[in-house]
Amino acid sequence: MINVAILSFWHVHAKDYVLQAQQHPDLSIKAVWDEDPGRGRAKAEELGVPFYRELPVLLAEPGIDAVIVTAPTTMHREIMIAAA
């Protein structure tokens, strides 16, 4: 099983990526981070997973194997470097 974190729900296709992850037999969504804490908390609650306000804290979690980045495009570089 690959445990993934969703990094933001800003992008219009975020819900589609989440659905694809949920339908994949080898993926499990384990956490959410969002640059908008209100949106992030709400989505994390919908998914039944923890919300992380601080991205470095989420990325330090040993149980997270991969991320799905659906943050604003202007944040992609910074987030992808941090995740790597």
N, C-alpha and C. Protein backbone atom coordinates (compact mmCIF):
# COMPACT_ATOMS: atom_id res chain seq x y z
N MET A 1 0.84 -1.18 0.00
CA MET A 1 0.00 0.00 0.00
C MET A 1 0.89 1.25 0.00
N ILE A 2 0.53 2.20 -0.84
CA ILE A 2 1.23 3.48 -0.90
C ILE A 2 0.36 4.51 -0.19
N ASN A 3 0.89 5.09 0.87
CA ASN A 3 0.17 6.09 1.65
C ASN A 3 0.47 7.47 1.11
N VAL A 4 -0.58 8.19 0.71
CA VAL A 4 -0.39 9.50 0.09
C VAL A 4 -1.02 10.61 0.91
N ALA A 5 -0.47 11.80 0.71
CA ALA A 5 -1.02 13.02 1.29
C ALA A 5 -1.49 13.90 0.14
N ILE A 6 -2.62 14.54 0.31
CA ILE A 6 -3.12 15.50 -0.66
C ILE A 6 -2.63 16.87 -0.23
N LEU A 7 -1.91 17.53 -1.12
CA LEU A 7 -1.35 18.84 -0.80
C LEU A 7 -2.15 19.92 -1.51
N SER A 8 -3.21 20.34 -0.84
CA SER A 8 -4.11 21.43 -1.23
C SER A 8 -5.29 20.93 -2.05
N PHE A 9 -6.34 21.68 -1.96
CA PHE A 9 -7.54 21.46 -2.77
C PHE A 9 -7.85 22.68 -3.62
N TRP A 10 -6.83 23.49 -3.90
CA TRP A 10 -7.00 24.69 -4.70
C TRP A 10 -7.37 24.37 -6.14
N HIS A 11 -6.70 23.41 -6.72
CA HIS A 11 -6.85 23.13 -8.15
C HIS A 11 -8.24 22.57 -8.46
N VAL A 12 -8.78 22.97 -9.58
CA VAL A 12 -10.12 22.55 -9.98
C VAL A 12 -10.23 21.03 -10.12
N HIS A 13 -9.13 20.36 -10.41
CA HIS A 13 -9.16 18.91 -10.58
C HIS A 13 -8.79 18.13 -9.31
N ALA A 14 -8.63 18.82 -8.21
CA ALA A 14 -8.23 18.14 -6.96
C ALA A 14 -9.21 17.03 -6.61
N LYS A 15 -10.50 17.30 -6.73
CA LYS A 15 -11.49 16.27 -6.38
C LYS A 15 -11.36 15.05 -7.28
N ASP A 16 -10.99 15.27 -8.56
CA ASP A 16 -10.80 14.14 -9.47
C ASP A 16 -9.58 13.31 -9.09
N TYR A 17 -8.49 13.98 -8.71
CA TYR A 17 -7.30 13.25 -8.29
C TYR A 17 -7.57 12.45 -7.02
N VAL A 18 -8.33 13.04 -6.10
CA VAL A 18 -8.69 12.32 -4.88
C VAL A 18 -9.52 11.09 -5.22
N LEU A 19 -10.49 11.24 -6.10
CA LEU A 19 -11.32 10.12 -6.50
C LEU A 19 -10.49 9.01 -7.13
N GLN A 20 -9.57 9.38 -8.00
CA GLN A 20 -8.69 8.38 -8.62
C GLN A 20 -7.85 7.67 -7.58
N ALA A 21 -7.33 8.42 -6.61
CA ALA A 21 -6.54 7.81 -5.55
C ALA A 21 -7.39 6.85 -4.72
N GLN A 22 -8.61 7.26 -4.41
CA GLN A 22 -9.50 6.41 -3.62
C GLN A 22 -9.86 5.13 -4.35
N GLN A 23 -9.94 5.20 -5.67
CA GLN A 23 -10.32 4.03 -6.46
C GLN A 23 -9.15 3.10 -6.77
N HIS A 24 -7.94 3.57 -6.54
CA HIS A 24 -6.76 2.74 -6.83
C HIS A 24 -6.56 1.74 -5.70
N PRO A 25 -6.44 0.47 -6.01
CA PRO A 25 -6.34 -0.54 -4.95
C PRO A 25 -5.05 -0.50 -4.14
N ASP A 26 -4.04 0.19 -4.65
CA ASP A 26 -2.76 0.22 -3.94
C ASP A 26 -2.45 1.56 -3.30
N LEU A 27 -3.43 2.48 -3.27
CA LEU A 27 -3.23 3.80 -2.66
C LEU A 27 -4.18 3.99 -1.49
N SER A 28 -3.70 4.73 -0.51
CA SER A 28 -4.53 5.10 0.63
C SER A 28 -4.22 6.54 1.00
N ILE A 29 -5.23 7.39 1.02
CA ILE A 29 -5.05 8.80 1.42
C ILE A 29 -4.96 8.84 2.93
N LYS A 30 -3.88 9.44 3.43
CA LYS A 30 -3.62 9.43 4.87
C LYS A 30 -3.58 10.80 5.51
N ALA A 31 -3.47 11.88 4.71
CA ALA A 31 -3.34 13.21 5.30
C ALA A 31 -3.66 14.27 4.26
N VAL A 32 -3.95 15.48 4.78
CA VAL A 32 -4.22 16.64 3.94
C VAL A 32 -3.46 17.83 4.49
N TRP A 33 -2.88 18.60 3.59
CA TRP A 33 -2.35 19.93 3.89
C TRP A 33 -2.98 20.87 2.88
N ASP A 34 -3.23 22.10 3.28
CA ASP A 34 -3.77 23.10 2.37
C ASP A 34 -3.27 24.47 2.81
N GLU A 35 -2.96 25.31 1.85
CA GLU A 35 -2.54 26.67 2.17
C GLU A 35 -3.69 27.49 2.75
N ASP A 36 -4.91 27.01 2.57
CA ASP A 36 -6.11 27.61 3.17
C ASP A 36 -6.57 26.66 4.28
N PRO A 37 -6.24 26.97 5.54
CA PRO A 37 -6.54 26.03 6.63
C PRO A 37 -8.01 25.65 6.74
N GLY A 38 -8.91 26.58 6.49
CA GLY A 38 -10.34 26.25 6.58
C GLY A 38 -10.74 25.21 5.56
N ARG A 39 -10.30 25.40 4.34
CA ARG A 39 -10.60 24.44 3.27
C ARG A 39 -9.93 23.11 3.57
N GLY A 40 -8.69 23.15 4.01
CA GLY A 40 -7.95 21.92 4.30
C GLY A 40 -8.59 21.11 5.40
N ARG A 41 -8.98 21.77 6.48
CA ARG A 41 -9.63 21.06 7.59
C ARG A 41 -10.93 20.41 7.13
N ALA A 42 -11.71 21.16 6.34
CA ALA A 42 -12.99 20.61 5.86
C ALA A 42 -12.78 19.39 4.98
N LYS A 43 -11.81 19.45 4.08
CA LYS A 43 -11.55 18.32 3.18
C LYS A 43 -10.98 17.14 3.96
N ALA A 44 -10.11 17.41 4.91
CA ALA A 44 -9.55 16.33 5.73
C ALA A 44 -10.66 15.63 6.51
N GLU A 45 -11.59 16.42 7.03
CA GLU A 45 -12.72 15.84 7.76
C GLU A 45 -13.57 14.98 6.83
N GLU A 46 -13.84 15.46 5.62
CA GLU A 46 -14.60 14.67 4.64
C GLU A 46 -13.93 13.33 4.35
N LEU A 47 -12.59 13.35 4.29
CA LEU A 47 -11.83 12.14 3.97
C LEU A 47 -11.55 11.28 5.20
N GLY A 48 -11.77 11.83 6.38
CA GLY A 48 -11.52 11.07 7.61
C GLY A 48 -10.04 10.90 7.90
N VAL A 49 -9.25 11.93 7.53
CA VAL A 49 -7.80 11.88 7.76
C VAL A 49 -7.36 13.15 8.48
N PRO A 50 -6.16 13.14 9.06
CA PRO A 50 -5.67 14.33 9.74
C PRO A 50 -5.38 15.48 8.78
N PHE A 51 -5.58 16.69 9.28
CA PHE A 51 -5.18 17.90 8.57
C PHE A 51 -3.90 18.42 9.20
N TYR A 52 -2.96 18.80 8.37
CA TYR A 52 -1.70 19.38 8.83
C TYR A 52 -1.65 20.83 8.39
N ARG A 53 -1.51 21.73 9.33
CA ARG A 53 -1.40 23.16 9.01
C ARG A 53 -0.01 23.48 8.47
N GLU A 54 1.00 22.77 8.96
CA GLU A 54 2.38 23.02 8.57
C GLU A 54 2.87 21.92 7.63
N LEU A 55 3.19 22.29 6.40
CA LEU A 55 3.64 21.31 5.41
C LEU A 55 4.87 20.54 5.85
N PRO A 56 5.90 21.18 6.42
CA PRO A 56 7.08 20.39 6.83
C PRO A 56 6.76 19.30 7.85
N VAL A 57 5.78 19.55 8.70
CA VAL A 57 5.39 18.54 9.69
C VAL A 57 4.78 17.33 8.98
N LEU A 58 3.89 17.58 8.03
CA LEU A 58 3.29 16.48 7.26
C LEU A 58 4.36 15.71 6.51
N LEU A 59 5.25 16.43 5.84
CA LEU A 59 6.28 15.76 5.03
C LEU A 59 7.26 14.96 5.87
N ALA A 60 7.36 15.27 7.15
CA ALA A 60 8.25 14.53 8.05
C ALA A 60 7.61 13.25 8.58
N GLU A 61 6.33 13.06 8.33
CA GLU A 61 5.64 11.86 8.81
C GLU A 61 6.21 10.62 8.12
N PRO A 62 6.67 9.65 8.86
CA PRO A 62 7.27 8.45 8.24
C PRO A 62 6.27 7.60 7.47
N GLY A 63 4.98 7.73 7.75
CA GLY A 63 3.99 6.91 7.08
C GLY A 63 3.51 7.44 5.74
N ILE A 64 4.01 8.61 5.33
CA ILE A 64 3.61 9.19 4.05
C ILE A 64 4.66 8.80 3.00
N ASP A 65 4.19 8.10 1.97
CA ASP A 65 5.09 7.62 0.92
C ASP A 65 5.13 8.51 -0.31
N ALA A 66 4.05 9.24 -0.56
CA ALA A 66 3.94 10.04 -1.78
C ALA A 66 2.96 11.18 -1.54
N VAL A 67 2.97 12.14 -2.46
CA VAL A 67 2.05 13.27 -2.36
C VAL A 67 1.37 13.50 -3.70
N ILE A 68 0.19 14.08 -3.63
CA ILE A 68 -0.52 14.56 -4.81
C ILE A 68 -0.61 16.07 -4.64
N VAL A 69 0.04 16.80 -5.54
CA VAL A 69 0.13 18.26 -5.43
C VAL A 69 -0.96 18.90 -6.29
N THR A 70 -1.91 19.51 -5.62
CA THR A 70 -2.98 20.23 -6.32
C THR A 70 -3.10 21.65 -5.76
N ALA A 71 -1.97 22.17 -5.35
CA ALA A 71 -1.86 23.53 -4.84
C ALA A 71 -1.81 24.52 -6.02
N PRO A 72 -1.87 25.82 -5.72
CA PRO A 72 -1.72 26.80 -6.78
C PRO A 72 -0.43 26.57 -7.57
N THR A 73 -0.51 26.75 -8.85
CA THR A 73 0.64 26.49 -9.74
C THR A 73 1.88 27.25 -9.29
N THR A 74 1.71 28.46 -8.79
CA THR A 74 2.85 29.25 -8.36
C THR A 74 3.57 28.66 -7.16
N MET A 75 2.94 27.70 -6.48
CA MET A 75 3.54 27.05 -5.31
C MET A 75 4.16 25.70 -5.64
N HIS A 76 3.94 25.19 -6.85
CA HIS A 76 4.39 23.84 -7.19
C HIS A 76 5.87 23.62 -6.95
N ARG A 77 6.71 24.52 -7.42
CA ARG A 77 8.16 24.33 -7.29
C ARG A 77 8.56 24.17 -5.83
N GLU A 78 8.11 25.10 -5.01
CA GLU A 78 8.46 25.07 -3.59
C GLU A 78 7.96 23.80 -2.90
N ILE A 79 6.74 23.40 -3.21
CA ILE A 79 6.15 22.21 -2.58
C ILE A 79 6.85 20.95 -3.07
N MET A 80 7.12 20.85 -4.35
CA MET A 80 7.76 19.65 -4.89
C MET A 80 9.19 19.49 -4.37
N ILE A 81 9.90 20.57 -4.25
CA ILE A 81 11.26 20.49 -3.69
C ILE A 81 11.19 20.05 -2.24
N ALA A 82 10.27 20.61 -1.48
CA ALA A 82 10.12 20.21 -0.06
C ALA A 82 9.75 18.74 0.04
N ALA A 83 8.86 18.28 -0.82
CA ALA A 83 8.43 16.87 -0.79
C ALA A 83 9.56 15.93 -1.19
N ALA A 84 10.37 16.36 -2.12
CA ALA A 84 11.48 15.51 -2.57
C ALA A 84 12.48 15.35 -1.46
